[in-house]
């Protein structure tokens, strides 16, 4: 279980795999100088709820991973996450779709 820390105080406990994909999407948006909202739902064990932050190039973000190995990146998931990040509501975690790169080749 990894942790995203925003501005030294707001924290989100997220699976390392989810966090890896969020890091790519957030990094891409910030490199393009495109600020956006990011909303996530808290774990039900801590009361659930929803948190939204305004992510911009001046924000302090820390991506902390529990595991030592980087996750394999699913391009289809990156695209789905990026679509939400580009929407008026902002970045939201969506379910991971099958990785199109792992799909079997069609038979001729």
N, C-alpha and C. Protein backbone atom coordinates (compact mmCIF):
# COMPACT_ATOMS: atom_id res chain seq x y z
N UNK A 1 0.84 -1.17 0.00
CA UNK A 1 0.00 0.00 0.00
C UNK A 1 0.89 1.24 0.00
N UNK A 2 0.79 2.03 -1.05
CA UNK A 2 1.58 3.24 -1.15
C UNK A 2 0.83 4.44 -0.58
N UNK A 3 1.49 5.57 -0.63
CA UNK A 3 0.88 6.79 -0.08
C UNK A 3 1.21 7.97 -0.98
N UNK A 4 0.17 8.74 -1.30
CA UNK A 4 0.33 10.01 -1.98
C UNK A 4 0.13 11.09 -0.93
N UNK A 5 1.13 11.96 -0.78
CA UNK A 5 1.04 13.05 0.18
C UNK A 5 1.01 14.35 -0.61
N UNK A 6 0.01 15.18 -0.33
CA UNK A 6 -0.19 16.45 -1.04
C UNK A 6 0.03 17.59 -0.07
N UNK A 7 0.90 18.51 -0.42
CA UNK A 7 1.18 19.70 0.38
C UNK A 7 1.54 19.38 1.83
N UNK A 8 2.20 18.26 2.04
CA UNK A 8 2.70 17.90 3.37
C UNK A 8 1.65 17.45 4.36
N UNK A 9 0.37 17.43 3.99
CA UNK A 9 -0.64 17.08 4.97
C UNK A 9 -1.71 16.12 4.49
N UNK A 10 -2.28 16.38 3.34
CA UNK A 10 -3.35 15.53 2.82
C UNK A 10 -2.72 14.25 2.30
N UNK A 11 -3.26 13.11 2.75
CA UNK A 11 -2.68 11.81 2.35
C UNK A 11 -3.75 10.89 1.80
N UNK A 12 -3.35 10.10 0.82
CA UNK A 12 -4.20 9.06 0.25
C UNK A 12 -3.43 7.75 0.30
N UNK A 13 -4.01 6.75 0.93
CA UNK A 13 -3.43 5.41 0.95
C UNK A 13 -3.95 4.67 -0.28
N UNK A 14 -3.04 4.29 -1.17
CA UNK A 14 -3.41 3.67 -2.43
C UNK A 14 -2.51 2.49 -2.73
N UNK A 15 -3.04 1.54 -3.44
CA UNK A 15 -2.25 0.39 -3.89
C UNK A 15 -1.09 0.91 -4.74
N UNK A 16 0.07 0.27 -4.60
CA UNK A 16 1.26 0.68 -5.37
C UNK A 16 0.98 0.74 -6.87
N UNK A 17 0.20 -0.21 -7.38
CA UNK A 17 -0.10 -0.25 -8.82
C UNK A 17 -0.92 0.97 -9.23
N UNK A 18 -1.92 1.31 -8.45
CA UNK A 18 -2.73 2.50 -8.72
C UNK A 18 -1.85 3.74 -8.65
N UNK A 19 -1.04 3.82 -7.61
CA UNK A 19 -0.17 4.98 -7.41
C UNK A 19 0.80 5.16 -8.57
N UNK A 20 1.34 4.07 -9.09
CA UNK A 20 2.26 4.15 -10.24
C UNK A 20 1.59 4.78 -11.46
N UNK A 21 0.36 4.39 -11.71
CA UNK A 21 -0.36 4.93 -12.86
C UNK A 21 -0.74 6.39 -12.62
N UNK A 22 -1.14 6.71 -11.40
CA UNK A 22 -1.45 8.11 -11.07
C UNK A 22 -0.21 9.00 -11.23
N UNK A 23 0.95 8.49 -10.85
CA UNK A 23 2.18 9.27 -10.97
C UNK A 23 2.45 9.64 -12.42
N UNK A 24 2.24 8.70 -13.33
CA UNK A 24 2.46 8.97 -14.76
C UNK A 24 1.47 10.03 -15.25
N UNK A 25 0.19 9.87 -14.90
CA UNK A 25 -0.83 10.81 -15.37
C UNK A 25 -0.59 12.20 -14.77
N UNK A 26 -0.36 12.27 -13.47
CA UNK A 26 -0.13 13.55 -12.81
C UNK A 26 1.12 14.22 -13.37
N UNK A 27 2.18 13.44 -13.54
CA UNK A 27 3.42 13.99 -14.10
C UNK A 27 3.22 14.53 -15.51
N UNK A 28 2.45 13.83 -16.31
CA UNK A 28 2.17 14.28 -17.68
C UNK A 28 1.41 15.60 -17.67
N UNK A 29 0.37 15.68 -16.85
CA UNK A 29 -0.42 16.91 -16.78
C UNK A 29 0.44 18.09 -16.31
N UNK A 30 1.27 17.86 -15.31
CA UNK A 30 2.08 18.96 -14.77
C UNK A 30 3.18 19.38 -15.75
N UNK A 31 3.77 18.42 -16.49
CA UNK A 31 4.76 18.78 -17.51
C UNK A 31 4.13 19.66 -18.58
N UNK A 32 2.85 19.46 -18.84
CA UNK A 32 2.13 20.27 -19.83
C UNK A 32 1.61 21.58 -19.22
N UNK A 33 1.90 21.79 -17.95
CA UNK A 33 1.42 22.96 -17.21
C UNK A 33 -0.10 23.04 -17.24
N UNK A 34 -0.76 21.90 -16.99
CA UNK A 34 -2.21 21.80 -16.98
C UNK A 34 -2.69 21.45 -15.57
N UNK A 35 -3.06 22.44 -14.76
CA UNK A 35 -3.58 22.13 -13.43
C UNK A 35 -4.94 21.44 -13.54
N UNK A 36 -5.31 20.71 -12.49
CA UNK A 36 -6.55 19.93 -12.52
C UNK A 36 -6.96 19.55 -11.10
N UNK A 37 -8.22 19.16 -10.94
CA UNK A 37 -8.69 18.58 -9.69
C UNK A 37 -8.36 17.10 -9.66
N UNK A 38 -8.08 16.57 -8.49
CA UNK A 38 -7.92 15.13 -8.29
C UNK A 38 -8.79 14.74 -7.10
N UNK A 39 -9.71 13.81 -7.34
CA UNK A 39 -10.64 13.35 -6.32
C UNK A 39 -10.46 11.86 -6.09
N UNK A 40 -10.44 11.47 -4.82
CA UNK A 40 -10.39 10.05 -4.47
C UNK A 40 -11.31 9.81 -3.29
N UNK A 41 -11.69 8.56 -3.14
CA UNK A 41 -12.54 8.13 -2.03
C UNK A 41 -11.68 7.47 -0.97
N UNK A 42 -11.91 7.83 0.28
CA UNK A 42 -11.16 7.25 1.38
C UNK A 42 -11.56 5.82 1.66
N UNK A 43 -10.68 5.10 2.31
CA UNK A 43 -10.95 3.72 2.68
C UNK A 43 -12.10 3.67 3.67
N UNK A 44 -12.98 2.71 3.49
CA UNK A 44 -14.15 2.58 4.36
C UNK A 44 -13.74 2.36 5.82
N UNK A 45 -12.57 1.74 6.04
CA UNK A 45 -12.11 1.48 7.41
C UNK A 45 -11.75 2.77 8.15
N UNK A 46 -11.50 3.84 7.40
CA UNK A 46 -11.17 5.13 8.03
C UNK A 46 -12.32 6.13 7.89
N UNK A 47 -13.51 5.61 7.58
CA UNK A 47 -14.68 6.46 7.49
C UNK A 47 -15.11 6.81 6.09
N UNK A 48 -14.37 6.34 5.09
CA UNK A 48 -14.75 6.61 3.70
C UNK A 48 -14.62 8.09 3.38
N UNK A 49 -15.62 8.61 2.75
CA UNK A 49 -15.58 10.02 2.38
C UNK A 49 -14.86 10.25 1.07
N UNK A 50 -14.76 11.51 0.72
CA UNK A 50 -14.18 11.89 -0.56
C UNK A 50 -13.29 13.10 -0.32
N UNK A 51 -12.14 13.11 -1.00
CA UNK A 51 -11.21 14.24 -0.91
C UNK A 51 -10.91 14.73 -2.31
N UNK A 52 -10.89 16.05 -2.48
CA UNK A 52 -10.52 16.66 -3.76
C UNK A 52 -9.44 17.70 -3.50
N UNK A 53 -8.39 17.66 -4.31
CA UNK A 53 -7.31 18.66 -4.22
C UNK A 53 -7.12 19.28 -5.61
N UNK A 54 -6.62 20.52 -5.62
CA UNK A 54 -6.27 21.21 -6.85
C UNK A 54 -4.79 20.96 -7.09
N UNK A 55 -4.47 20.23 -8.13
CA UNK A 55 -3.08 19.88 -8.43
C UNK A 55 -2.55 20.89 -9.45
N UNK A 56 -1.42 21.51 -9.11
CA UNK A 56 -0.81 22.51 -9.97
C UNK A 56 0.71 22.38 -9.86
N UNK A 57 1.43 23.08 -10.72
CA UNK A 57 2.88 22.91 -10.79
C UNK A 57 3.60 23.34 -9.52
N UNK A 58 3.00 24.17 -8.69
CA UNK A 58 3.64 24.59 -7.45
C UNK A 58 3.32 23.70 -6.26
N UNK A 59 2.45 22.72 -6.45
CA UNK A 59 2.04 21.84 -5.35
C UNK A 59 3.16 20.86 -5.00
N UNK A 60 3.26 20.56 -3.72
CA UNK A 60 4.22 19.57 -3.25
C UNK A 60 3.54 18.20 -3.22
N UNK A 61 4.05 17.28 -4.02
CA UNK A 61 3.50 15.92 -4.10
C UNK A 61 4.60 14.93 -3.79
N UNK A 62 4.27 13.93 -2.97
CA UNK A 62 5.21 12.86 -2.66
C UNK A 62 4.51 11.54 -2.95
N UNK A 63 5.13 10.70 -3.78
CA UNK A 63 4.62 9.37 -4.09
C UNK A 63 5.48 8.38 -3.32
N UNK A 64 4.92 7.75 -2.30
CA UNK A 64 5.66 6.78 -1.49
C UNK A 64 5.15 5.38 -1.76
N UNK A 65 6.05 4.48 -2.11
CA UNK A 65 5.67 3.11 -2.46
C UNK A 65 6.10 2.14 -1.37
N UNK A 66 5.23 1.15 -1.11
CA UNK A 66 5.55 0.12 -0.15
C UNK A 66 6.55 -0.87 -0.74
N UNK A 67 6.31 -1.29 -1.98
CA UNK A 67 7.17 -2.27 -2.64
C UNK A 67 8.36 -1.63 -3.31
N UNK A 68 9.36 -2.45 -3.60
CA UNK A 68 10.58 -1.95 -4.21
C UNK A 68 10.61 -2.01 -5.72
N UNK A 69 9.67 -2.74 -6.32
CA UNK A 69 9.67 -2.89 -7.78
C UNK A 69 8.62 -2.01 -8.41
N UNK A 70 8.98 -1.35 -9.52
CA UNK A 70 7.97 -0.55 -10.22
C UNK A 70 6.91 -1.44 -10.86
N UNK A 71 5.69 -0.96 -10.91
CA UNK A 71 4.59 -1.71 -11.52
C UNK A 71 4.69 -1.66 -13.04
N UNK A 72 4.21 -2.72 -13.68
CA UNK A 72 4.11 -2.71 -15.14
C UNK A 72 2.97 -1.76 -15.50
N UNK A 73 3.23 -0.86 -16.43
CA UNK A 73 2.26 0.17 -16.78
C UNK A 73 1.30 -0.35 -17.86
N UNK A 74 0.02 -0.16 -17.61
CA UNK A 74 -1.06 -0.53 -18.53
C UNK A 74 -1.47 0.72 -19.30
N UNK A 75 -1.12 0.78 -20.58
CA UNK A 75 -1.41 1.98 -21.39
C UNK A 75 -2.91 2.28 -21.47
N UNK A 76 -3.73 1.24 -21.54
CA UNK A 76 -5.18 1.45 -21.62
C UNK A 76 -5.68 2.14 -20.35
N UNK A 77 -5.11 1.79 -19.21
CA UNK A 77 -5.51 2.42 -17.95
C UNK A 77 -5.03 3.87 -17.90
N UNK A 78 -3.79 4.11 -18.38
CA UNK A 78 -3.29 5.48 -18.44
C UNK A 78 -4.24 6.35 -19.27
N UNK A 79 -4.68 5.83 -20.40
CA UNK A 79 -5.57 6.59 -21.27
C UNK A 79 -6.90 6.86 -20.58
N UNK A 80 -7.43 5.87 -19.87
CA UNK A 80 -8.70 6.05 -19.15
C UNK A 80 -8.55 7.08 -18.03
N UNK A 81 -7.45 7.01 -17.30
CA UNK A 81 -7.20 7.98 -16.23
C UNK A 81 -7.00 9.38 -16.81
N UNK A 82 -6.29 9.47 -17.92
CA UNK A 82 -6.04 10.77 -18.55
C UNK A 82 -7.34 11.39 -19.04
N UNK A 83 -8.27 10.57 -19.53
CA UNK A 83 -9.57 11.11 -19.96
C UNK A 83 -10.28 11.77 -18.78
N UNK A 84 -10.22 11.14 -17.60
CA UNK A 84 -10.87 11.76 -16.45
C UNK A 84 -10.14 13.04 -16.06
N UNK A 85 -8.81 13.02 -16.11
CA UNK A 85 -8.02 14.20 -15.73
C UNK A 85 -8.31 15.38 -16.65
N UNK A 86 -8.65 15.11 -17.89
CA UNK A 86 -8.95 16.16 -18.86
C UNK A 86 -10.40 16.63 -18.82
N UNK A 87 -11.21 16.00 -17.98
CA UNK A 87 -12.63 16.37 -17.87
C UNK A 87 -12.80 17.51 -16.86
N UNK A 88 -13.93 18.20 -16.89
CA UNK A 88 -14.17 19.27 -15.91
C UNK A 88 -14.14 18.78 -14.46
N UNK A 89 -14.52 17.54 -14.21
CA UNK A 89 -14.52 17.01 -12.84
C UNK A 89 -13.11 16.68 -12.36
N UNK A 90 -12.19 16.45 -13.28
CA UNK A 90 -10.80 16.16 -12.92
C UNK A 90 -10.50 14.69 -12.77
N UNK A 91 -9.27 14.41 -12.39
CA UNK A 91 -8.75 13.05 -12.27
C UNK A 91 -9.50 12.27 -11.20
N UNK A 92 -9.96 11.09 -11.58
CA UNK A 92 -10.59 10.17 -10.65
C UNK A 92 -10.09 8.77 -10.97
N UNK A 93 -9.98 7.94 -9.95
CA UNK A 93 -9.50 6.58 -10.15
C UNK A 93 -10.63 5.75 -10.73
N UNK A 94 -10.36 5.16 -11.89
CA UNK A 94 -11.33 4.30 -12.56
C UNK A 94 -10.78 2.87 -12.56
N UNK A 95 -11.66 1.87 -12.72
CA UNK A 95 -11.19 0.49 -12.74
C UNK A 95 -10.18 0.24 -13.87
N UNK A 96 -9.25 -0.64 -13.60
CA UNK A 96 -8.23 -0.96 -14.61
C UNK A 96 -8.83 -1.83 -15.70
N UNK A 97 -8.76 -1.38 -16.96
CA UNK A 97 -9.20 -2.22 -18.08
C UNK A 97 -8.11 -3.22 -18.44
N UNK A 98 -8.46 -4.23 -19.22
CA UNK A 98 -7.42 -5.16 -19.69
C UNK A 98 -6.37 -4.39 -20.49
N UNK A 99 -5.12 -4.79 -20.34
CA UNK A 99 -4.03 -4.14 -21.08
C UNK A 99 -4.11 -4.61 -22.52
N UNK A 100 -4.33 -3.68 -23.42
CA UNK A 100 -4.45 -4.03 -24.84
C UNK A 100 -3.18 -4.65 -25.37
N UNK A 101 -2.04 -4.34 -24.75
CA UNK A 101 -0.77 -4.93 -25.16
C UNK A 101 -0.68 -6.41 -24.82
N UNK A 102 -1.51 -6.85 -23.85
CA UNK A 102 -1.49 -8.25 -23.43
C UNK A 102 -2.53 -9.09 -24.17
N UNK A 103 -3.32 -8.46 -25.05
CA UNK A 103 -4.37 -9.18 -25.76
C UNK A 103 -3.74 -10.16 -26.75
N UNK A 104 -4.32 -11.34 -26.88
CA UNK A 104 -3.77 -12.30 -27.85
C UNK A 104 -3.96 -11.79 -29.27
N UNK A 105 -3.03 -12.16 -30.13
CA UNK A 105 -3.12 -11.78 -31.53
C UNK A 105 -4.32 -12.49 -32.17
N UNK A 106 -5.09 -11.80 -33.02
CA UNK A 106 -6.22 -12.45 -33.69
C UNK A 106 -5.71 -13.52 -34.66
N UNK A 107 -6.50 -14.56 -34.79
CA UNK A 107 -6.12 -15.63 -35.71
C UNK A 107 -6.40 -15.17 -37.13
N UNK A 108 -5.49 -15.55 -38.05
CA UNK A 108 -5.63 -15.13 -39.46
C UNK A 108 -6.70 -15.91 -40.15
